[in-house]
Amino acid sequence: MTQALDMAALAEPVADLLPDLVALRQDLHAHPELAYEERRTAGIVAQSLRLLGLQVAEGVGGTGVVGTLHCGGAGAGPSVGLRADMDALPMVELGQHAYTSRHPGTHHGCGHDGHTSMLIGAARQLARTHQALGLCGTVQFIFQPAEEGKAGAARMIEDGLFDRFACDSVYALHNWPDLPLGHAQTRPGPIMAAADRFDITVRGKGGHAAQPHHTPDAILAASQLVAQLNTIVARRIDPSESAVLSVTRIEGGHSHNVLPAEVQITGTVRSFDAAAQDRIEAALRATAQGVALASGTEVQVSYQRYYPATINTAAEAALALQAGQAVGLQAEVASRAAFTSEDFAFMLQRKPGAYLWLGQGRASPGPEGERALHHPCYDFNDDALPLGVRWLCEIAARALAAQPTSR
């Protein structure tokens, strides 16, 4: 830090914000929207930011919103981006709350309603305290669409996010039910895995189940392929490295006495190292062709690398932990990365920054699913709202107190 700031001002109670933030979070939960359909959510975000006097841009990367807060004059000082995701999941909610999803088949099962509410809360807090704090620089409040597998971060970047809205660094958080409320973790280097998807089609000719000698057996070939795919990580990847390959779907056939002409296999690969990622894809393709040759079937492979690994820069990861400790969180270095993935990775490929896990584990007993991400009963813990607001504000203050570096 290069200037003395009254950081205690950011620890002022945000209790007066909480009733509105809880109401907002529960309203967003009741009205979830899927990737690139977050029009109602984006409208609420934009209106909330405009009421604070921020410059607001809508439609960034489809339905993304960016609010800009200038502290100490436009163009002065460093700049920092704070990002929240807005989209929900295509799944049925089974929760029993007054604010349960009103959109059948759509559910805020990952807590993005909480992330959006916390970032709006941080914007409100910083808008009213930045002058008293003497902050100098720019805060970009980035509300991103389509995190759940649709690469909204990449689309915002393609739409000129970092060209139009200067960011020397970027930060984001995700609620983490595995951590107790009041705890937080991050780490330098990889924190979330790269996510790949493979789709394999095994084709025979089809025929009578009583005459298997007349046709290559697509089901048998697919079964052999599934078994061999599950040896790739164990036998092709250095044991000191971490990777996961999982087959998640196999489909083929409609009758007990018909050998199908086609079987579909789908799965995912998670890894942290690009070289390991290359080796796994090459091994998967070679294994598929080997099974095709041995079985007389035709095998077609589609392999999509849809999210890179989320990799924190060391200085920003340290700042994220320092900010957490400053606002009373038990913030610690995570012992290992997670195999889940996150498209904030695209932003970290372009800018230094860090991604934090914010604990939201519930102390009181309740439905088990409330504590599991992507579960039909999952619900964000509103007690985490003030913790996220304070951390985001502290990050902004510390980032603006630092001199930007050329990277």
Protein backbone atom coordinates (compact mmCIF):
# COMPACT_ATOMS: atom_id res chain seq x y z
CA MET A 1 0.00 0.00 0.00
CA THR A 2 1.30 3.44 -0.90
CA GLN A 3 -1.03 5.69 1.07
CA ALA A 4 -2.56 5.65 4.52
CA LEU A 5 -6.21 4.71 4.42
CA ASP A 6 -8.73 4.51 7.21
CA MET A 7 -9.47 0.85 6.51
CA ALA A 8 -11.61 0.71 9.63
CA ALA A 9 -14.24 2.72 7.79
CA LEU A 10 -14.84 -0.24 5.51
CA ALA A 11 -15.55 -2.37 8.55
CA GLU A 12 -18.46 -0.11 9.48
CA PRO A 13 -21.59 -2.17 10.05
CA VAL A 14 -23.48 -2.84 6.86
CA ALA A 15 -26.54 -3.79 8.89
CA ASP A 16 -28.62 -1.04 7.30
CA LEU A 17 -27.98 -2.63 3.91
CA LEU A 18 -28.85 -6.16 4.94
CA PRO A 19 -32.67 -6.15 4.90
CA ASP A 20 -32.68 -4.89 1.32
CA LEU A 21 -29.94 -7.30 0.28
CA VAL A 22 -31.72 -10.29 1.79
CA ALA A 23 -34.95 -9.25 0.07
CA LEU A 24 -33.08 -8.79 -3.20
CA ARG A 25 -31.32 -12.15 -2.91
CA GLN A 26 -34.56 -13.99 -2.23
CA ASP A 27 -36.32 -12.17 -5.07
CA LEU A 28 -33.55 -13.22 -7.47
CA HIS A 29 -33.83 -16.76 -6.15
CA ALA A 30 -37.56 -16.79 -6.89
CA HIS A 31 -36.95 -15.53 -10.45
CA PRO A 32 -33.94 -17.49 -11.75
CA GLU A 33 -32.83 -17.04 -15.35
CA LEU A 34 -30.64 -19.26 -17.51
CA ALA A 35 -27.51 -18.32 -19.43
CA TYR A 36 -27.92 -15.28 -21.69
CA GLU A 37 -31.55 -14.96 -20.56
CA GLU A 38 -30.77 -12.91 -17.41
CA ARG A 39 -32.77 -9.92 -18.62
CA ARG A 40 -34.80 -9.33 -15.47
CA THR A 41 -31.74 -9.82 -13.28
CA ALA A 42 -29.62 -7.53 -15.44
CA GLY A 43 -32.34 -4.88 -15.36
CA ILE A 44 -32.43 -4.96 -11.56
CA VAL A 45 -28.64 -4.73 -11.42
CA ALA A 46 -28.48 -1.82 -13.85
CA GLN A 47 -31.20 0.12 -12.05
CA SER A 48 -29.54 -0.48 -8.67
CA LEU A 49 -26.21 0.84 -9.96
CA ARG A 50 -27.76 3.88 -11.63
CA LEU A 51 -29.46 4.86 -8.38
CA LEU A 52 -25.96 5.04 -6.87
CA GLY A 53 -24.81 7.46 -9.56
CA LEU A 54 -22.52 4.96 -11.28
CA GLN A 55 -21.89 4.87 -15.00
CA VAL A 56 -23.69 1.78 -16.28
CA ALA A 57 -23.22 -0.25 -19.45
CA GLU A 58 -25.72 -2.96 -20.35
CA GLY A 59 -25.65 -5.74 -22.92
CA VAL A 60 -21.94 -6.48 -22.45
CA GLY A 61 -21.40 -9.99 -23.74
CA GLY A 62 -25.13 -10.46 -24.23
CA THR A 63 -26.80 -9.70 -20.91
CA GLY A 64 -23.80 -8.57 -18.86
CA VAL A 65 -23.76 -5.31 -16.90
CA VAL A 66 -20.78 -3.20 -15.84
CA GLY A 67 -21.05 -0.36 -13.35
CA THR A 68 -18.15 2.08 -13.04
CA LEU A 69 -17.35 4.00 -9.85
CA HIS A 70 -14.72 6.72 -10.22
CA CYS A 71 -13.00 7.58 -6.97
CA GLY A 72 -10.97 10.79 -7.01
CA GLY A 73 -11.86 11.68 -10.60
CA ALA A 74 -12.16 9.74 -13.86
CA GLY A 75 -8.90 8.17 -14.94
CA ALA A 76 -7.13 8.77 -11.65
CA GLY A 77 -5.25 6.00 -9.87
CA PRO A 78 -5.38 2.23 -10.34
CA SER A 79 -8.43 0.26 -11.42
CA VAL A 80 -9.91 -2.99 -10.14
CA GLY A 81 -12.67 -5.29 -11.37
CA LEU A 82 -15.03 -7.10 -9.01
CA ARG A 83 -17.08 -9.82 -10.69
CA ALA A 84 -20.30 -11.66 -9.83
CA ASP A 85 -22.15 -14.25 -11.91
CA MET A 86 -25.91 -13.96 -12.48
CA ASP A 87 -27.23 -17.12 -14.17
CA ALA A 88 -29.12 -20.08 -12.71
CA LEU A 89 -29.09 -23.80 -13.49
CA PRO A 90 -31.48 -25.79 -15.71
CA MET A 91 -32.79 -27.98 -12.89
CA VAL A 92 -35.94 -28.40 -10.82
CA GLU A 93 -35.87 -26.85 -7.35
CA LEU A 94 -37.18 -28.98 -4.50
CA GLY A 95 -36.65 -26.45 -1.71
CA GLN A 96 -39.51 -25.49 0.58
CA HIS A 97 -39.11 -21.73 0.93
CA ALA A 98 -41.51 -18.86 0.35
CA TYR A 99 -39.10 -17.71 -2.37
CA THR A 100 -38.73 -21.06 -4.15
CA SER A 101 -38.24 -20.75 -7.92
CA ARG A 102 -41.32 -19.62 -9.82
CA HIS A 103 -39.80 -20.79 -13.09
CA PRO A 104 -40.19 -24.58 -13.46
CA GLY A 105 -36.96 -26.27 -14.45
CA THR A 106 -34.79 -23.32 -13.42
CA HIS A 107 -33.06 -23.05 -10.05
CA HIS A 108 -30.40 -20.89 -8.41
CA GLY A 109 -28.66 -24.05 -7.28
CA CYS A 110 -25.17 -22.54 -7.16
CA GLY A 111 -25.71 -19.32 -5.23
CA HIS A 112 -25.28 -16.81 -8.02
CA ASP A 113 -28.26 -14.96 -6.57
CA GLY A 114 -26.12 -14.43 -3.47
CA HIS A 115 -23.05 -13.38 -5.47
CA THR A 116 -25.07 -10.78 -7.40
CA SER A 117 -26.60 -9.42 -4.19
CA MET A 118 -23.22 -9.16 -2.46
CA LEU A 119 -21.70 -7.22 -5.35
CA ILE A 120 -24.64 -4.82 -5.40
CA GLY A 121 -24.14 -4.41 -1.66
CA ALA A 122 -20.44 -3.66 -2.19
CA ALA A 123 -21.33 -1.07 -4.82
CA ARG A 124 -23.71 0.61 -2.37
CA GLN A 125 -21.14 0.60 0.43
CA LEU A 126 -18.29 1.90 -1.72
CA ALA A 127 -20.46 4.55 -3.36
CA ARG A 128 -21.23 6.04 0.04
CA THR A 129 -17.81 5.63 1.68
CA HIS A 130 -15.15 6.10 -1.01
CA GLN A 131 -14.84 9.84 -0.49
CA ALA A 132 -14.46 9.50 3.27
CA LEU A 133 -11.86 6.80 2.68
CA GLY A 134 -9.95 8.99 0.25
CA LEU A 135 -9.88 6.26 -2.39
CA CYS A 136 -8.33 7.19 -5.72
CA GLY A 137 -8.98 5.03 -8.74
CA THR A 138 -11.75 3.15 -10.50
CA VAL A 139 -13.86 0.20 -9.44
CA GLN A 140 -15.56 -1.83 -12.17
CA PHE A 141 -18.52 -3.86 -10.91
CA ILE A 142 -18.79 -6.70 -13.41
CA PHE A 143 -22.05 -8.67 -13.47
CA GLN A 144 -21.48 -11.62 -15.75
CA PRO A 145 -24.01 -13.82 -17.56
CA ALA A 146 -23.73 -17.48 -18.42
CA GLU A 147 -21.15 -18.88 -16.02
CA GLU A 148 -22.78 -22.32 -15.95
CA GLY A 149 -21.06 -23.89 -18.93
CA LYS A 150 -21.80 -21.16 -21.47
CA ALA A 151 -18.60 -19.09 -21.11
CA GLY A 152 -20.14 -15.72 -20.35
CA ALA A 153 -16.77 -14.40 -19.16
CA ALA A 154 -15.18 -15.18 -22.51
CA ARG A 155 -18.07 -13.52 -24.30
CA MET A 156 -17.75 -10.35 -22.22
CA ILE A 157 -14.04 -10.24 -23.01
CA GLU A 158 -14.75 -10.71 -26.71
CA ASP A 159 -17.18 -7.81 -26.42
CA GLY A 160 -14.35 -5.57 -25.24
CA LEU A 161 -14.72 -5.87 -21.45
CA PHE A 162 -11.13 -5.00 -20.62
CA ASP A 163 -10.76 -2.56 -23.52
CA ARG A 164 -13.83 -0.57 -22.49
CA PHE A 165 -13.51 -0.91 -18.71
CA ALA A 166 -9.96 -0.65 -17.44
CA CYS A 167 -8.96 -3.24 -14.83
CA ASP A 168 -5.43 -3.61 -13.47
CA SER A 169 -6.62 -6.68 -11.57
CA VAL A 170 -9.82 -8.69 -11.14
CA TYR A 171 -11.35 -10.55 -8.19
CA ALA A 172 -14.31 -12.84 -7.62
CA LEU A 173 -15.70 -15.04 -4.88
CA HIS A 174 -17.86 -18.13 -4.73
CA ASN A 175 -19.86 -19.34 -1.79
CA TRP A 176 -18.39 -22.59 -0.49
CA PRO A 177 -20.69 -24.83 1.59
CA ASP A 178 -17.78 -27.08 2.58
CA LEU A 179 -16.30 -24.21 4.62
CA PRO A 180 -17.95 -22.94 7.82
CA LEU A 181 -19.53 -19.51 7.82
CA GLY A 182 -16.86 -16.93 8.59
CA HIS A 183 -14.06 -18.87 6.90
CA ALA A 184 -12.46 -18.24 3.52
CA GLN A 185 -9.76 -19.87 1.42
CA THR A 186 -7.78 -19.28 -1.72
CA ARG A 187 -4.32 -20.14 -2.98
CA PRO A 188 -1.72 -18.95 -5.48
CA GLY A 189 -1.73 -20.89 -8.73
CA PRO A 190 -4.52 -23.28 -9.74
CA ILE A 191 -7.65 -23.16 -7.60
CA MET A 192 -10.24 -24.64 -10.01
CA ALA A 193 -9.75 -27.19 -12.79
CA ALA A 194 -9.93 -26.92 -16.54
CA ALA A 195 -13.13 -28.54 -17.82
CA ASP A 196 -13.28 -30.59 -21.03
CA ARG A 197 -16.21 -32.50 -22.50
CA PHE A 198 -15.99 -35.49 -24.79
CA ASP A 199 -18.75 -37.04 -26.89
CA ILE A 200 -18.04 -40.36 -28.59
CA THR A 201 -20.23 -42.09 -31.14
CA VAL A 202 -19.68 -45.82 -31.69
CA ARG A 203 -21.32 -47.11 -34.89
CA GLY A 204 -21.91 -50.68 -35.99
CA LYS A 205 -24.55 -51.83 -38.49
CA GLY A 206 -27.30 -53.00 -36.19
CA GLY A 207 -29.02 -56.34 -36.39
CA HIS A 208 -30.74 -59.19 -34.62
CA ALA A 209 -29.48 -59.92 -31.09
CA ALA A 210 -29.61 -63.65 -31.86
CA GLN A 211 -27.23 -63.20 -34.82
CA PRO A 212 -24.36 -61.06 -33.44
CA HIS A 213 -21.95 -62.47 -36.00
CA HIS A 214 -23.69 -60.45 -38.71
CA THR A 215 -22.84 -57.00 -37.27
CA PRO A 216 -20.14 -55.28 -35.23
CA ASP A 217 -21.49 -54.99 -31.69
CA ALA A 218 -21.60 -51.28 -30.86
CA ILE A 219 -22.67 -51.88 -27.25
CA LEU A 220 -19.80 -54.28 -26.58
CA ALA A 221 -17.33 -51.90 -28.21
CA ALA A 222 -18.70 -48.99 -26.18
CA SER A 223 -18.42 -51.02 -22.98
CA GLN A 224 -14.82 -51.90 -23.71
CA LEU A 225 -14.10 -48.26 -24.51
CA VAL A 226 -15.59 -47.05 -21.22
CA ALA A 227 -13.42 -49.51 -19.30
CA GLN A 228 -10.28 -48.42 -21.14
CA LEU A 229 -11.02 -44.70 -20.78
CA ASN A 230 -11.00 -45.14 -17.03
CA THR A 231 -7.37 -46.30 -17.15
CA ILE A 232 -6.05 -43.19 -18.92
CA VAL A 233 -5.43 -41.03 -15.86
CA ALA A 234 -4.00 -43.95 -13.87
CA ARG A 235 -1.65 -45.10 -16.61
CA ARG A 236 -0.91 -42.07 -18.83
CA ILE A 237 -0.60 -39.23 -16.27
CA ASP A 238 2.24 -38.79 -13.78
CA PRO A 239 0.96 -39.86 -10.32
CA SER A 240 2.22 -36.54 -8.91
CA GLU A 241 -0.20 -34.67 -11.17
CA SER A 242 -3.94 -34.37 -10.62
CA ALA A 243 -6.62 -35.18 -13.19
CA VAL A 244 -10.03 -36.80 -13.41
CA LEU A 245 -11.77 -38.52 -16.33
CA SER A 246 -15.38 -39.55 -15.80
CA VAL A 247 -17.83 -41.16 -18.21
CA THR A 248 -21.22 -39.67 -17.33
CA ARG A 249 -23.58 -41.01 -20.00
CA ILE A 250 -23.85 -44.08 -22.21
CA GLU A 251 -26.90 -44.52 -24.37
CA GLY A 252 -27.89 -46.96 -27.07
CA GLY A 253 -30.55 -49.46 -28.01
CA HIS A 254 -34.33 -49.59 -27.69
CA SER A 255 -35.26 -53.29 -27.65
CA HIS A 256 -34.20 -56.45 -25.89
CA ASN A 257 -33.65 -58.35 -29.14
CA VAL A 258 -32.00 -55.72 -31.36
CA LEU A 259 -28.32 -54.86 -31.50
CA PRO A 260 -28.29 -51.06 -31.98
CA ALA A 261 -26.41 -49.48 -34.81
CA GLU A 262 -25.16 -46.63 -32.64
CA VAL A 263 -24.12 -45.95 -29.04
CA GLN A 264 -23.36 -42.54 -27.53
CA ILE A 265 -20.81 -41.95 -24.76
CA THR A 266 -20.35 -38.62 -22.97
CA GLY A 267 -18.00 -37.58 -20.20
CA THR A 268 -15.77 -34.94 -18.72
CA VAL A 269 -12.06 -34.44 -18.06
CA ARG A 270 -10.73 -32.15 -15.32
CA SER A 271 -7.09 -31.13 -15.03
CA PHE A 272 -4.84 -28.26 -13.92
CA ASP A 273 -1.90 -28.53 -16.31
CA ALA A 274 -2.13 -27.87 -20.05
CA ALA A 275 0.44 -30.57 -20.87
CA ALA A 276 -1.57 -33.16 -18.94
CA GLN A 277 -4.69 -31.95 -20.72
CA ASP A 278 -2.96 -32.56 -24.08
CA ARG A 279 -1.86 -36.05 -23.07
CA ILE A 280 -5.33 -37.03 -21.89
CA GLU A 281 -7.00 -35.87 -25.10
CA ALA A 282 -4.43 -37.64 -27.27
CA ALA A 283 -4.78 -40.85 -25.24
CA LEU A 284 -8.56 -40.71 -25.42
CA ARG A 285 -8.51 -40.38 -29.18
CA ALA A 286 -5.96 -43.17 -29.56
CA THR A 287 -7.96 -45.46 -27.26
CA ALA A 288 -11.13 -44.83 -29.25
CA GLN A 289 -9.42 -45.67 -32.52
CA GLY A 290 -7.91 -48.81 -31.02
CA VAL A 291 -11.32 -50.06 -29.94
CA ALA A 292 -12.72 -49.23 -33.38
CA LEU A 293 -9.99 -51.26 -35.07
CA ALA A 294 -10.39 -54.23 -32.72
CA SER A 295 -14.21 -54.32 -32.86
CA GLY A 296 -14.83 -53.45 -36.50
CA THR A 297 -16.92 -50.45 -35.49
CA GLU A 298 -16.56 -46.82 -36.53
CA VAL A 299 -15.77 -44.47 -33.65
CA GLN A 300 -16.10 -40.68 -33.87
CA VAL A 301 -14.75 -38.41 -31.13
CA SER A 302 -15.71 -34.82 -30.34
CA TYR A 303 -13.51 -33.19 -27.68
CA GLN A 304 -14.28 -29.70 -26.38
CA ARG A 305 -12.07 -27.72 -23.99
CA TYR A 306 -14.69 -25.33 -22.71
CA TYR A 307 -13.13 -23.85 -19.54
CA PRO A 308 -9.42 -23.42 -18.79
CA ALA A 309 -8.01 -23.87 -15.30
CA THR A 310 -8.65 -21.00 -12.88
CA ILE A 311 -5.18 -19.81 -11.92
CA ASN A 312 -4.62 -17.10 -9.31
CA THR A 313 -1.60 -14.83 -9.44
CA ALA A 314 0.47 -14.98 -6.25
CA ALA A 315 0.36 -11.31 -5.21
CA GLU A 316 -3.39 -11.04 -5.74
CA ALA A 317 -4.08 -14.30 -3.88
CA ALA A 318 -2.11 -12.91 -0.94
CA LEU A 319 -4.07 -9.65 -1.11
CA ALA A 320 -7.34 -11.61 -1.15
CA LEU A 321 -6.36 -13.41 2.06
CA GLN A 322 -5.15 -10.21 3.71
CA ALA A 323 -8.46 -8.55 2.86
CA GLY A 324 -10.34 -11.48 4.33
CA GLN A 325 -8.39 -11.34 7.56
CA ALA A 326 -8.89 -7.56 7.76
CA VAL A 327 -12.68 -7.93 7.74
CA GLY A 328 -12.71 -10.67 10.35
CA LEU A 329 -12.76 -13.80 8.19
CA GLN A 330 -10.66 -16.80 9.11
CA ALA A 331 -8.86 -16.64 5.78
CA GLU A 332 -6.34 -19.37 5.01
CA VAL A 333 -4.41 -20.81 2.09
CA ALA A 334 -6.38 -23.68 0.55
CA SER A 335 -4.48 -26.97 0.80
CA ARG A 336 -5.54 -28.09 -2.65
CA ALA A 337 -7.44 -26.95 -5.72
CA ALA A 338 -10.95 -28.15 -6.56
CA PHE A 339 -11.86 -30.23 -9.60
CA THR A 340 -14.93 -28.11 -10.26
CA SER A 341 -14.47 -25.43 -12.92
CA GLU A 342 -15.20 -21.73 -13.25
CA ASP A 343 -15.22 -19.42 -16.24
CA PHE A 344 -13.67 -16.59 -14.23
CA ALA A 345 -10.62 -18.45 -15.56
CA PHE A 346 -10.96 -16.50 -18.82
CA MET A 347 -10.62 -13.21 -16.95
CA LEU A 348 -7.59 -14.48 -15.05
CA GLN A 349 -5.98 -15.39 -18.36
CA ARG A 350 -6.13 -11.71 -19.29
CA LYS A 351 -5.58 -9.97 -15.95
CA PRO A 352 -3.85 -10.70 -12.63
CA GLY A 353 -6.33 -11.54 -9.93
CA ALA A 354 -7.70 -14.06 -7.49
CA TYR A 355 -10.76 -16.21 -6.84
CA LEU A 356 -11.87 -16.79 -3.24
CA TRP A 357 -14.00 -19.48 -1.61
CA LEU A 358 -16.27 -17.86 0.98
CA GLY A 359 -17.62 -20.27 3.60
CA GLN A 360 -21.36 -20.47 3.98
CA GLY A 361 -21.74 -23.74 5.87
CA ARG A 362 -24.76 -23.65 8.14
CA ALA A 363 -24.37 -24.16 11.87
CA SER A 364 -28.01 -25.12 12.38
CA PRO A 365 -29.35 -28.43 11.08
CA GLY A 366 -31.43 -28.40 7.92
CA PRO A 367 -32.02 -30.35 4.72
CA GLU A 368 -28.72 -31.83 3.59
CA GLY A 369 -29.21 -30.50 0.08
CA GLU A 370 -29.21 -26.91 1.30
CA ARG A 371 -25.48 -27.28 1.84
CA ALA A 372 -24.57 -28.86 -1.52
CA LEU A 373 -23.96 -26.87 -4.69
CA HIS A 374 -26.07 -27.95 -7.69
CA HIS A 375 -28.46 -29.85 -5.42
CA PRO A 376 -32.23 -29.40 -6.02
CA CYS A 377 -32.65 -28.26 -2.38
CA TYR A 378 -29.63 -25.94 -2.30
CA ASP A 379 -30.20 -22.45 -0.91
CA PHE A 380 -27.70 -19.64 -0.41
CA ASN A 381 -27.05 -18.77 3.23
CA ASP A 382 -28.08 -15.14 3.70
CA ASP A 383 -25.83 -14.89 6.77
CA ALA A 384 -22.90 -14.82 4.32
CA LEU A 385 -24.12 -11.62 2.61
CA PRO A 386 -22.41 -9.10 4.92
CA LEU A 387 -19.18 -11.11 4.87
CA GLY A 388 -19.03 -11.03 1.08
CA VAL A 389 -19.87 -7.31 0.96
CA ARG A 390 -17.10 -6.46 3.40
CA TRP A 391 -14.54 -8.60 1.59
CA LEU A 392 -15.35 -7.07 -1.79
CA CYS A 393 -15.10 -3.55 -0.35
CA GLU A 394 -11.79 -4.34 1.34
CA ILE A 395 -10.41 -5.79 -1.89
CA ALA A 396 -11.36 -2.62 -3.76
CA ALA A 397 -9.78 -0.37 -1.13
CA ARG A 398 -6.55 -2.34 -1.02
CA ALA A 399 -6.32 -2.64 -4.81
CA LEU A 400 -6.80 1.11 -5.25
CA ALA A 401 -4.20 1.79 -2.59
CA ALA A 402 -1.60 -0.13 -4.60
CA GLN A 403 0.29 1.12 -7.59
CA PRO A 404 -0.61 -0.75 -10.81
CA THR A 405 2.17 -2.84 -12.27
CA SER A 406 2.84 -3.54 -15.93
CA ARG A 407 2.16 -7.19 -16.71
